[in-house]
PDB file of N, CA and C in Angstrom:
ATOM      1  N   MET A   1     -20.870 -24.829 -40.511  1.00  0.00           N
ATOM      2  CA  MET A   1     -20.280 -23.605 -39.894  1.00  0.00           C
ATOM      3  C   MET A   1     -20.732 -22.406 -40.743  1.00  0.00           C
ATOM      4  N   GLN A   2     -21.011 -21.360 -39.947  1.00  0.00           N
ATOM      5  CA  GLN A   2     -21.345 -20.108 -40.603  1.00  0.00           C
ATOM      6  C   GLN A   2     -20.351 -19.095 -40.230  1.00  0.00           C
ATOM      7  N   THR A   3     -20.145 -18.201 -41.130  1.00  0.00           N
ATOM      8  CA  THR A   3     -19.132 -17.041 -40.832  1.00  0.00           C
ATOM      9  C   THR A   3     -19.894 -15.765 -40.652  1.00  0.00           C
ATOM     10  N   ILE A   4     -19.597 -15.085 -39.568  1.00  0.00           N
ATOM     11  CA  ILE A   4     -20.194 -13.785 -39.211  1.00  0.00           C
ATOM     12  C   ILE A   4     -19.041 -12.707 -39.072  1.00  0.00           C
ATOM     13  N   ILE A   5     -19.262 -11.597 -39.606  1.00  0.00           N
ATOM     14  CA  ILE A   5     -18.325 -10.535 -39.567  1.00  0.00           C
ATOM     15  C   ILE A   5     -18.932  -9.383 -38.793  1.00  0.00           C
ATOM     16  N   ILE A   6     -18.291  -9.113 -37.555  1.00  0.00           N
ATOM     17  CA  ILE A   6     -18.731  -8.071 -36.683  1.00  0.00           C
ATOM     18  C   ILE A   6     -17.561  -7.064 -36.438  1.00  0.00           C
ATOM     19  N   ASP A   7     -17.756  -5.805 -36.768  1.00  0.00           N
ATOM     20  CA  ASP A   7     -16.729  -4.845 -36.544  1.00  0.00           C
ATOM     21  C   ASP A   7     -15.317  -5.246 -36.956  1.00  0.00           C
ATOM     22  N   ASN A   8     -15.240  -5.644 -38.214  1.00  0.00           N
ATOM     23  CA  ASN A   8     -13.947  -6.084 -38.865  1.00  0.00           C
ATOM     24  C   ASN A   8     -13.385  -7.317 -38.198  1.00  0.00           C
ATOM     25  N   THR A   9     -14.110  -8.145 -37.492  1.00  0.00           N
ATOM     26  CA  THR A   9     -13.718  -9.370 -36.848  1.00  0.00           C
ATOM     27  C   THR A   9     -14.567 -10.484 -37.445  1.00  0.00           C
ATOM     28  N   THR A  10     -13.923 -11.587 -37.785  1.00  0.00           N
ATOM     29  CA  THR A  10     -14.663 -12.726 -38.378  1.00  0.00           C
ATOM     30  C   THR A  10     -14.728 -13.807 -37.419  1.00  0.00           C
ATOM     31  N   TYR A  11     -15.966 -14.322 -37.264  1.00  0.00           N
ATOM     32  CA  TYR A  11     -16.266 -15.387 -36.212  1.00  0.00           C
ATOM     33  C   TYR A  11     -16.796 -16.615 -37.174  1.00  0.00           C
ATOM     34  N   LYS A  12     -16.246 -17.849 -36.873  1.00  0.00           N
ATOM     35  CA  LYS A  12     -16.775 -19.028 -37.430  1.00  0.00           C
ATOM     36  C   LYS A  12     -17.526 -19.694 -36.349  1.00  0.00           C
ATOM     37  N   VAL A  13     -18.895 -19.871 -36.566  1.00  0.00           N
ATOM     38  CA  VAL A  13     -19.757 -20.388 -35.523  1.00  0.00           C
ATOM     39  C   VAL A  13     -20.524 -21.672 -36.063  1.00  0.00           C
ATOM     40  N   LYS A  14     -20.733 -22.582 -35.132  1.00  0.00           N
ATOM     41  CA  LYS A  14     -21.590 -23.695 -35.450  1.00  0.00           C
ATOM     42  C   LYS A  14     -23.052 -23.230 -35.623  1.00  0.00           C
ATOM     43  N   PHE A  15     -23.788 -23.939 -36.396  1.00  0.00           N
ATOM     44  CA  PHE A  15     -25.154 -23.550 -36.701  1.00  0.00           C
ATOM     45  C   PHE A  15     -26.060 -23.629 -35.412  1.00  0.00           C
ATOM     46  N   ASP A  16     -25.692 -24.362 -34.323  1.00  0.00           N
ATOM     47  CA  ASP A  16     -26.519 -24.407 -33.166  1.00  0.00           C
ATOM     48  C   ASP A  16     -26.408 -23.129 -32.368  1.00  0.00           C
ATOM     49  N   ARG A  17     -25.436 -22.214 -32.604  1.00  0.00           N
ATOM     50  CA  ARG A  17     -25.329 -21.021 -31.846  1.00  0.00           C
ATOM     51  C   ARG A  17     -26.119 -19.891 -32.490  1.00  0.00           C
ATOM     52  N   ASP A  18     -26.761 -19.171 -31.618  1.00  0.00           N
ATOM     53  CA  ASP A  18     -27.578 -17.998 -32.090  1.00  0.00           C
ATOM     54  C   ASP A  18     -26.783 -16.825 -32.496  1.00  0.00           C
ATOM     55  N   PRO A  19     -26.719 -16.478 -33.724  1.00  0.00           N
ATOM     56  CA  PRO A  19     -25.800 -15.328 -34.199  1.00  0.00           C
ATOM     57  C   PRO A  19     -26.132 -14.038 -33.635  1.00  0.00           C
ATOM     58  N   ILE A  20     -27.330 -13.829 -33.222  1.00  0.00           N
ATOM     59  CA  ILE A  20     -27.738 -12.489 -32.575  1.00  0.00           C
ATOM     60  C   ILE A  20     -27.115 -12.374 -31.224  1.00  0.00           C
ATOM     61  N   GLU A  21     -27.164 -13.443 -30.498  1.00  0.00           N
ATOM     62  CA  GLU A  21     -26.556 -13.437 -29.147  1.00  0.00           C
ATOM     63  C   GLU A  21     -25.038 -13.316 -29.219  1.00  0.00           C
ATOM     64  N   LEU A  22     -24.478 -13.976 -30.284  1.00  0.00           N
ATOM     65  CA  LEU A  22     -23.030 -13.839 -30.480  1.00  0.00           C
ATOM     66  C   LEU A  22     -22.669 -12.397 -30.774  1.00  0.00           C
ATOM     67  N   ALA A  23     -23.518 -11.753 -31.548  1.00  0.00           N
ATOM     68  CA  ALA A  23     -23.184 -10.387 -32.003  1.00  0.00           C
ATOM     69  C   ALA A  23     -23.284  -9.470 -30.772  1.00  0.00           C
ATOM     70  N   LYS A  24     -24.226  -9.742 -29.894  1.00  0.00           N
ATOM     71  CA  LYS A  24     -24.385  -8.927 -28.701  1.00  0.00           C
ATOM     72  C   LYS A  24     -23.156  -9.044 -27.788  1.00  0.00           C
ATOM     73  N   LEU A  25     -22.671 -10.323 -27.612  1.00  0.00           N
ATOM     74  CA  LEU A  25     -21.441 -10.509 -26.843  1.00  0.00           C
ATOM     75  C   LEU A  25     -20.208  -9.981 -27.500  1.00  0.00           C
ATOM     76  N   ALA A  26     -20.146 -10.021 -28.829  1.00  0.00           N
ATOM     77  CA  ALA A  26     -19.001  -9.464 -29.523  1.00  0.00           C
ATOM     78  C   ALA A  26     -18.930  -7.971 -29.423  1.00  0.00           C
ATOM     79  N   ARG A  27     -20.035  -7.274 -29.287  1.00  0.00           N
ATOM     80  CA  ARG A  27     -19.987  -5.865 -29.265  1.00  0.00           C
ATOM     81  C   ARG A  27     -19.854  -5.250 -27.939  1.00  0.00           C
ATOM     82  N   LYS A  28     -19.772  -6.074 -26.791  1.00  0.00           N
ATOM     83  CA  LYS A  28     -19.531  -5.525 -25.553  1.00  0.00           C
ATOM     84  C   LYS A  28     -18.129  -5.008 -25.416  1.00  0.00           C
ATOM     85  N   PRO A  29     -17.898  -3.890 -24.765  1.00  0.00           N
ATOM     86  CA  PRO A  29     -16.533  -3.401 -24.714  1.00  0.00           C
ATOM     87  C   PRO A  29     -15.620  -4.307 -23.922  1.00  0.00           C
ATOM     88  N   TYR A  30     -14.373  -4.308 -24.246  1.00  0.00           N
ATOM     89  CA  TYR A  30     -13.391  -5.201 -23.536  1.00  0.00           C
ATOM     90  C   TYR A  30     -13.036  -4.421 -22.253  1.00  0.00           C
ATOM     91  N   LYS A  31     -13.202  -5.250 -21.188  1.00  0.00           N
ATOM     92  CA  LYS A  31     -12.817  -4.706 -19.757  1.00  0.00           C
ATOM     93  C   LYS A  31     -11.476  -5.454 -19.352  1.00  0.00           C
ATOM     94  N   GLN A  32     -10.513  -4.574 -19.113  1.00  0.00           N
ATOM     95  CA  GLN A  32      -9.331  -5.116 -18.720  1.00  0.00           C
ATOM     96  C   GLN A  32      -9.436  -5.665 -17.258  1.00  0.00           C
ATOM     97  N   LYS A  33      -8.710  -6.769 -17.000  1.00  0.00           N
ATOM     98  CA  LYS A  33      -8.717  -7.373 -15.697  1.00  0.00           C
ATOM     99  C   LYS A  33      -8.003  -6.467 -14.778  1.00  0.00           C
ATOM    100  N   LYS A  34      -8.533  -6.437 -13.510  1.00  0.00           N
ATOM    101  CA  LYS A  34      -7.890  -5.665 -12.482  1.00  0.00           C
ATOM    102  C   LYS A  34      -6.585  -6.364 -12.171  1.00  0.00           C
ATOM    103  N   PRO A  35      -5.498  -5.557 -11.894  1.00  0.00           N
ATOM    104  CA  PRO A  35      -4.257  -6.268 -11.557  1.00  0.00           C
ATOM    105  C   PRO A  35      -4.340  -6.779 -10.197  1.00  0.00           C
ATOM    106  N   LYS A  36      -3.613  -7.820  -9.928  1.00  0.00           N
ATOM    107  CA  LYS A  36      -3.529  -8.387  -8.591  1.00  0.00           C
ATOM    108  C   LYS A  36      -2.669  -7.448  -7.832  1.00  0.00           C
ATOM    109  N   ASP A  37      -2.735  -7.644  -6.475  1.00  0.00           N
ATOM    110  CA  ASP A  37      -1.927  -6.752  -5.617  1.00  0.00           C
ATOM    111  C   ASP A  37      -0.524  -7.000  -5.824  1.00  0.00           C
ATOM    112  N   ILE A  38       0.129  -6.000  -6.398  1.00  0.00           N
ATOM    113  CA  ILE A  38       1.506  -6.141  -6.782  1.00  0.00           C
ATOM    114  C   ILE A  38       2.472  -5.612  -5.752  1.00  0.00           C
ATOM    115  N   ARG A  39       2.010  -5.115  -4.646  1.00  0.00           N
ATOM    116  CA  ARG A  39       2.892  -4.612  -3.616  1.00  0.00           C
ATOM    117  C   ARG A  39       3.586  -5.777  -2.915  1.00  0.00           C
ATOM    118  N   LYS A  40       4.739  -5.456  -2.459  1.00  0.00           N
ATOM    119  CA  LYS A  40       5.511  -6.513  -1.686  1.00  0.00           C
ATOM    120  C   LYS A  40       5.752  -6.057  -0.328  1.00  0.00           C
ATOM    121  N   PHE A  41       5.685  -6.788   0.660  1.00  0.00           N
ATOM    122  CA  PHE A  41       5.818  -6.492   2.083  1.00  0.00           C
ATOM    123  C   PHE A  41       7.048  -7.086   2.669  1.00  0.00           C
ATOM    124  N   PRO A  42       7.775  -6.368   3.451  1.00  0.00           N
ATOM    125  CA  PRO A  42       8.998  -6.952   4.102  1.00  0.00           C
ATOM    126  C   PRO A  42       8.552  -7.963   5.152  1.00  0.00           C
ATOM    127  N   THR A  43       9.349  -8.922   5.420  1.00  0.00           N
ATOM    128  CA  THR A  43       9.089  -9.848   6.427  1.00  0.00           C
ATOM    129  C   THR A  43       9.158  -9.196   7.803  1.00  0.00           C
ATOM    130  N   TRP A  44       8.260  -9.642   8.721  1.00  0.00           N
ATOM    131  CA  TRP A  44       8.081  -9.041  10.013  1.00  0.00           C
ATOM    132  C   TRP A  44       9.221  -9.490  10.843  1.00  0.00           C
ATOM    133  N   ASP A  45       9.746  -8.584  11.601  1.00  0.00           N
ATOM    134  CA  ASP A  45      10.839  -8.890  12.568  1.00  0.00           C
ATOM    135  C   ASP A  45      10.583  -8.042  13.801  1.00  0.00           C
ATOM    136  N   PRO A  46      10.562  -8.725  15.067  1.00  0.00           N
ATOM    137  CA  PRO A  46      10.191  -7.877  16.197  1.00  0.00           C
ATOM    138  C   PRO A  46      11.168  -6.792  16.580  1.00  0.00           C
ATOM    139  N   ALA A  47      12.369  -6.864  16.048  1.00  0.00           N
ATOM    140  CA  ALA A  47      13.331  -5.795  16.382  1.00  0.00           C
ATOM    141  C   ALA A  47      13.361  -4.587  15.402  1.00  0.00           C
ATOM    142  N   VAL A  48      12.385  -4.636  14.463  1.00  0.00           N
ATOM    143  CA  VAL A  48      12.431  -3.573  13.428  1.00  0.00           C
ATOM    144  C   VAL A  48      11.469  -2.401  13.892  1.00  0.00           C
ATOM    145  N   SER A  49      11.982  -1.175  13.759  1.00  0.00           N
ATOM    146  CA  SER A  49      11.152  -0.027  14.093  1.00  0.00           C
ATOM    147  C   SER A  49      10.205   0.300  12.931  1.00  0.00           C
ATOM    148  N   THR A  50       9.249   1.168  13.221  1.00  0.00           N
ATOM    149  CA  THR A  50       8.404   1.634  12.254  1.00  0.00           C
ATOM    150  C   THR A  50       9.014   2.317  11.105  1.00  0.00           C
ATOM    151  N   ALA A  51      10.002   3.115  11.349  1.00  0.00           N
ATOM    152  CA  ALA A  51      10.712   3.895  10.325  1.00  0.00           C
ATOM    153  C   ALA A  51      11.549   2.925   9.422  1.00  0.00           C
ATOM    154  N   GLU A  52      12.139   1.953  10.022  1.00  0.00           N
ATOM    155  CA  GLU A  52      12.877   0.954   9.295  1.00  0.00           C
ATOM    156  C   GLU A  52      11.959   0.094   8.431  1.00  0.00           C
ATOM    157  N   TYR A  53      10.889  -0.167   8.890  1.00  0.00           N
ATOM    158  CA  TYR A  53       9.870  -1.066   8.127  1.00  0.00           C
ATOM    159  C   TYR A  53       9.446  -0.239   6.922  1.00  0.00           C
ATOM    160  N   ILE A  54       9.162   1.050   7.076  1.00  0.00           N
ATOM    161  CA  ILE A  54       8.696   1.974   5.932  1.00  0.00           C
ATOM    162  C   ILE A  54       9.876   1.914   4.909  1.00  0.00           C
ATOM    163  N   LYS A  55      11.098   2.053   5.316  1.00  0.00           N
ATOM    164  CA  LYS A  55      12.262   2.103   4.452  1.00  0.00           C
ATOM    165  C   LYS A  55      12.312   0.777   3.697  1.00  0.00           C
ATOM    166  N   ARG A  56      12.179  -0.375   4.352  1.00  0.00           N
ATOM    167  CA  ARG A  56      12.224  -1.672   3.685  1.00  0.00           C
ATOM    168  C   ARG A  56      11.030  -1.817   2.614  1.00  0.00           C
ATOM    169  N   PHE A  57       9.879  -1.256   3.001  1.00  0.00           N
ATOM    170  CA  PHE A  57       8.735  -1.355   2.180  1.00  0.00           C
ATOM    171  C   PHE A  57       9.002  -0.504   0.855  1.00  0.00           C
ATOM    172  N   ASP A  58       9.583   0.680   1.052  1.00  0.00           N
ATOM    173  CA  ASP A  58       9.842   1.489  -0.081  1.00  0.00           C
ATOM    174  C   ASP A  58      10.915   0.913  -0.998  1.00  0.00           C
ATOM    175  N   SER A  59      11.962   0.279  -0.476  1.00  0.00           N
ATOM    176  CA  SER A  59      12.955  -0.303  -1.242  1.00  0.00           C
ATOM    177  C   SER A  59      12.458  -1.565  -1.970  1.00  0.00           C
ATOM    178  N   LEU A  60      11.640  -2.317  -1.339  1.00  0.00           N
ATOM    179  CA  LEU A  60      11.074  -3.595  -2.078  1.00  0.00           C
ATOM    180  C   LEU A  60      10.135  -3.188  -3.168  1.00  0.00           C
ATOM    181  N   ASN A  61       9.442  -2.035  -3.087  1.00  0.00           N
ATOM    182  CA  ASN A  61       8.485  -1.711  -4.058  1.00  0.00           C
ATOM    183  C   ASN A  61       9.055  -0.664  -5.051  1.00  0.00           C
ATOM    184  N   ASN A  62      10.340  -0.311  -4.983  1.00  0.00           N
ATOM    185  CA  ASN A  62      11.005   0.583  -5.790  1.00  0.00           C
ATOM    186  C   ASN A  62      10.309   1.923  -5.743  1.00  0.00           C
ATOM    187  N   LEU A  63      10.019   2.333  -4.533  1.00  0.00           N
ATOM    188  CA  LEU A  63       9.410   3.668  -4.340  1.00  0.00           C
ATOM    189  C   LEU A  63      10.518   4.724  -3.900  1.00  0.00           C
ATOM    190  N   GLN A  64      10.188   5.915  -4.174  1.00  0.00           N
ATOM    191  CA  GLN A  64      11.190   6.972  -3.711  1.00  0.00           C
ATOM    192  C   GLN A  64      11.193   7.077  -2.282  1.00  0.00           C
ATOM    193  N   ALA A  65      12.305   7.007  -1.643  1.00  0.00           N
ATOM    194  CA  ALA A  65      12.447   7.115  -0.194  1.00  0.00           C
ATOM    195  C   ALA A  65      11.983   8.470   0.285  1.00  0.00           C
ATOM    196  N   VAL A  66      11.085   8.575   1.311  1.00  0.00           N
ATOM    197  CA  VAL A  66      10.560   9.776   1.810  1.00  0.00           C
ATOM    198  C   VAL A  66      10.884   9.865   3.286  1.00  0.00           C
ATOM    199  N   GLN A  67      11.251  10.962   3.707  1.00  0.00           N
ATOM    200  CA  GLN A  67      11.429  11.223   5.192  1.00  0.00           C
ATOM    201  C   GLN A  67      10.178  11.269   5.928  1.00  0.00           C
ATOM    202  N   TYR A  68       9.839  10.267   6.697  1.00  0.00           N
ATOM    203  CA  TYR A  68       8.637  10.235   7.496  1.00  0.00           C
ATOM    204  C   TYR A  68       8.960  10.802   8.890  1.00  0.00           C
ATOM    205  N   THR A  69       8.418  11.961   9.136  1.00  0.00           N
ATOM    206  CA  THR A  69       8.768  12.672  10.451  1.00  0.00           C
ATOM    207  C   THR A  69       8.031  12.043  11.666  1.00  0.00           C
ATOM    208  N   GLY A  70       6.889  11.367  11.502  1.00  0.00           N
ATOM    209  CA  GLY A  70       6.163  10.762  12.632  1.00  0.00           C
ATOM    210  C   GLY A  70       6.444   9.374  12.905  1.00  0.00           C
ATOM    211  N   ALA A  71       7.307   8.763  12.022  1.00  0.00           N
ATOM    212  CA  ALA A  71       7.557   7.356  12.202  1.00  0.00           C
ATOM    213  C   ALA A  71       8.503   7.076  13.447  1.00  0.00           C
ATOM    214  N   SER A  72       8.155   6.069  14.270  1.00  0.00           N
ATOM    215  CA  SER A  72       8.921   5.798  15.375  1.00  0.00           C
ATOM    216  C   SER A  72      10.281   5.091  15.063  1.00  0.00           C
ATOM    217  N   THR A  73      11.367   5.479  15.682  1.00  0.00           N
ATOM    218  CA  THR A  73      12.660   4.799  15.498  1.00  0.00           C
ATOM    219  C   THR A  73      12.890   3.726  16.508  1.00  0.00           C
ATOM    220  N   GLU A  74      11.953   3.529  17.412  1.00  0.00           N
ATOM    221  CA  GLU A  74      12.190   2.503  18.472  1.00  0.00           C
ATOM    222  C   GLU A  74      11.462   1.260  17.969  1.00  0.00           C
ATOM    223  N   THR A  75      11.766   0.118  18.609  1.00  0.00           N
ATOM    224  CA  THR A  75      11.203  -1.198  18.097  1.00  0.00           C
ATOM    225  C   THR A  75       9.713  -1.139  18.406  1.00  0.00           C
ATOM    226  N   ALA A  76       9.003  -1.802  17.641  1.00  0.00           N
ATOM    227  CA  ALA A  76       7.490  -1.831  17.758  1.00  0.00           C
ATOM    228  C   ALA A  76       7.094  -2.550  19.066  1.00  0.00           C
ATOM    229  N   ALA A  77       6.006  -2.098  19.651  1.00  0.00           N
ATOM    230  CA  ALA A  77       5.588  -2.701  20.869  1.00  0.00           C
ATOM    231  C   ALA A  77       5.042  -4.195  20.580  1.00  0.00           C
ATOM    232  N   GLN A  78       5.294  -5.006  21.565  1.00  0.00           N
ATOM    233  CA  GLN A  78       4.951  -6.449  21.375  1.00  0.00           C
ATOM    234  C   GLN A  78       3.892  -6.765  22.332  1.00  0.00           C
ATOM    235  N   TYR A  79       3.065  -7.795  21.871  1.00  0.00           N
ATOM    236  CA  TYR A  79       2.026  -8.290  22.749  1.00  0.00           C
ATOM    237  C   TYR A  79       2.588  -9.315  23.673  1.00  0.00           C
ATOM    238  N   ASP A  80       2.301  -9.134  25.016  1.00  0.00           N
ATOM    239  CA  ASP A  80       2.828  -9.966  25.937  1.00  0.00           C
ATOM    240  C   ASP A  80       1.686 -11.033  26.274  1.00  0.00           C
ATOM    241  N   PRO A  81       1.903 -12.233  25.910  1.00  0.00           N
ATOM    242  CA  PRO A  81       0.844 -13.311  26.224  1.00  0.00           C
ATOM    243  C   PRO A  81       0.567 -13.555  27.666  1.00  0.00           C
ATOM    244  N   THR A  82       1.424 -13.091  28.566  1.00  0.00           N
ATOM    245  CA  THR A  82       1.263 -13.445  29.986  1.00  0.00           C
ATOM    246  C   THR A  82       0.237 -12.398  30.618  1.00  0.00           C
ATOM    247  N   ILE A  83       0.024 -11.324  29.968  1.00  0.00           N
ATOM    248  CA  ILE A  83      -0.920 -10.318  30.438  1.00  0.00           C
ATOM    249  C   ILE A  83      -2.356 -10.656  29.825  1.00  0.00           C
ATOM    250  N   PRO A  84      -3.351 -10.770  30.677  1.00  0.00           N
ATOM    251  CA  PRO A  84      -4.758 -11.106  30.120  1.00  0.00           C
ATOM    252  C   PRO A  84      -5.267  -9.966  29.291  1.00  0.00           C
ATOM    253  N   LEU A  85      -5.975 -10.292  28.288  1.00  0.00           N
ATOM    254  CA  LEU A  85      -6.561  -9.226  27.421  1.00  0.00           C
ATOM    255  C   LEU A  85      -7.732  -8.535  28.122  1.00  0.00           C
ATOM    256  N   CYS A  86      -8.388  -9.241  28.972  1.00  0.00           N
ATOM    257  CA  CYS A  86      -9.508  -8.683  29.737  1.00  0.00           C
ATOM    258  C   CYS A  86      -9.549  -9.266  31.095  1.00  0.00           C
ATOM    259  N   GLU A  87     -10.260  -8.534  31.948  1.00  0.00           N
ATOM    260  CA  GLU A  87     -10.281  -8.989  33.375  1.00  0.00           C
ATOM    261  C   GLU A  87     -11.626  -9.643  33.471  1.00  0.00           C
ATOM    262  N   VAL A  88     -11.694 -10.787  34.177  1.00  0.00           N
ATOM    263  CA  VAL A  88     -12.931 -11.591  34.359  1.00  0.00           C
ATOM    264  C   VAL A  88     -13.448 -11.180  35.784  1.00  0.00           C
ATOM    265  N   PHE A  89     -14.706 -10.862  35.812  1.00  0.00           N
ATOM    266  CA  PHE A  89     -15.351 -10.496  37.037  1.00  0.00           C
ATOM    267  C   PHE A  89     -16.325 -11.610  37.343  1.00  0.00           C
ATOM    268  N   THR A  90     -16.441 -12.012  38.639  1.00  0.00           N
ATOM    269  CA  THR A  90     -17.330 -13.045  39.080  1.00  0.00           C
ATOM    270  C   THR A  90     -18.503 -12.329  39.679  1.00  0.00           C
ATOM    271  N   ASP A  91     -19.666 -12.923  39.522  1.00  0.00           N
ATOM    272  CA  ASP A  91     -20.925 -12.406  40.157  1.00  0.00           C
ATOM    273  C   ASP A  91     -20.946 -12.814  41.566  1.00  0.00           C
ATOM    274  N   GLU A  92     -20.766 -12.008  42.417  1.00  0.00           N
ATOM    275  CA  GLU A  92     -20.783 -12.364  43.891  1.00  0.00           C
ATOM    276  C   GLU A  92     -21.820 -11.588  44.599  1.00  0.00           C
TER     277      GLU A  92
END
Protein backbone atom coordinates (compact mmCIF):
# COMPACT_ATOMS: atom_id res chain seq x y z
CA MET A 1 0.00 0.00 0.00
CA GLN A 2 1.14 3.51 -0.70
CA THR A 3 0.07 6.69 1.04
CA ILE A 4 -0.81 9.78 -0.98
CA ILE A 5 -1.60 13.17 0.56
CA ILE A 6 -3.75 15.50 -1.54
CA ASP A 7 -5.06 18.80 -0.15
CA ASN A 8 -4.68 17.76 3.51
CA THR A 9 -6.40 14.41 2.85
CA THR A 10 -4.56 11.11 3.15
CA TYR A 11 -5.33 8.23 0.80
CA LYS A 12 -4.02 4.70 1.23
CA VAL A 13 -3.96 3.08 -2.17
CA LYS A 14 -2.96 -0.32 -3.50
CA PHE A 15 0.01 -0.32 -5.84
CA ASP A 16 -2.11 -1.37 -8.83
CA ARG A 17 -3.97 2.00 -8.79
CA ASP A 18 -2.56 4.89 -10.76
CA PRO A 19 -1.79 7.70 -8.27
CA ILE A 20 -2.11 10.42 -10.95
CA GLU A 21 -5.65 9.34 -11.84
CA LEU A 22 -6.51 9.17 -8.15
CA ALA A 23 -5.19 12.70 -7.66
CA LYS A 24 -7.32 13.96 -10.57
CA LEU A 25 -10.42 12.35 -9.07
CA ALA A 26 -9.60 13.66 -5.59
CA ARG A 27 -9.29 17.26 -6.79
CA LYS A 28 -12.67 17.35 -8.51
CA PRO A 29 -15.05 19.62 -6.64
CA TYR A 30 -17.71 17.94 -4.57
CA LYS A 31 -21.16 18.22 -6.13
CA GLN A 32 -24.03 17.92 -3.76
CA LYS A 33 -26.79 15.56 -4.84
CA LYS A 34 -30.00 17.15 -6.00
CA PRO A 35 -32.73 16.70 -3.43
CA LYS A 36 -35.58 14.42 -4.30
CA ASP A 37 -38.97 15.95 -4.82
CA ILE A 38 -39.94 16.80 -1.27
CA ARG A 39 -43.34 18.25 -2.03
CA LYS A 40 -46.37 16.40 -0.70
CA PHE A 41 -49.63 16.27 -2.59
CA PRO A 42 -53.08 15.80 -1.05
CA THR A 43 -55.12 12.78 -2.03
CA TRP A 44 -57.50 13.40 -4.87
CA ASP A 45 -61.17 13.57 -4.02
CA PRO A 46 -63.84 14.29 -6.67
CA ALA A 47 -65.78 16.53 -4.27
CA VAL A 48 -62.84 18.88 -3.60
CA SER A 49 -62.77 22.32 -5.19
CA THR A 50 -59.62 23.87 -6.62
CA ALA A 51 -59.44 26.38 -3.75
CA GLU A 52 -59.72 23.60 -1.16
CA TYR A 53 -57.06 21.54 -2.94
CA ILE A 54 -54.68 24.53 -2.84
CA LYS A 55 -55.36 24.97 0.89
CA ARG A 56 -54.63 21.28 1.53
CA PHE A 57 -51.42 21.47 -0.54
CA ASP A 58 -50.24 24.52 1.41
CA SER A 59 -50.96 22.90 4.77
CA LEU A 60 -49.22 19.61 3.82
CA ASN A 61 -46.09 21.43 2.68
CA ASN A 62 -46.08 23.91 5.59
CA LEU A 63 -46.50 26.85 3.24
CA GLN A 64 -48.00 30.16 4.20
CA ALA A 65 -51.66 30.20 3.20
CA VAL A 66 -52.35 32.71 0.43
CA GLN A 67 -55.71 33.97 -0.79
CA TYR A 68 -56.02 32.76 -4.37
CA THR A 69 -58.55 35.02 -6.06
CA GLY A 70 -58.92 32.97 -9.25
CA ALA A 71 -59.36 29.55 -7.64
CA SER A 72 -62.73 27.95 -8.17
CA THR A 73 -64.80 27.14 -5.08
CA GLU A 74 -66.97 24.66 -6.95
CA THR A 75 -66.12 20.99 -7.31
CA ALA A 76 -63.77 20.13 -10.13
CA ALA A 77 -65.23 19.04 -13.45
CA GLN A 78 -65.28 15.29 -13.92
CA TYR A 79 -64.70 13.17 -16.99
CA ASP A 80 -67.86 11.35 -18.02
CA PRO A 81 -66.90 7.99 -19.57
CA THR A 82 -70.28 7.69 -21.31
CA ILE A 83 -69.48 10.66 -23.58
CA PRO A 84 -67.14 9.70 -26.43
CA LEU A 85 -63.89 11.62 -26.68
CA CYS A 86 -64.16 11.93 -30.45
CA GLU A 87 -66.74 11.41 -33.10
CA VAL A 88 -66.19 8.60 -35.60
CA PHE A 89 -67.00 9.43 -39.22
CA THR A 90 -67.54 6.73 -41.75
CA ASP A 91 -66.48 7.15 -45.39
CA GLU A 92 -69.70 6.99 -47.34
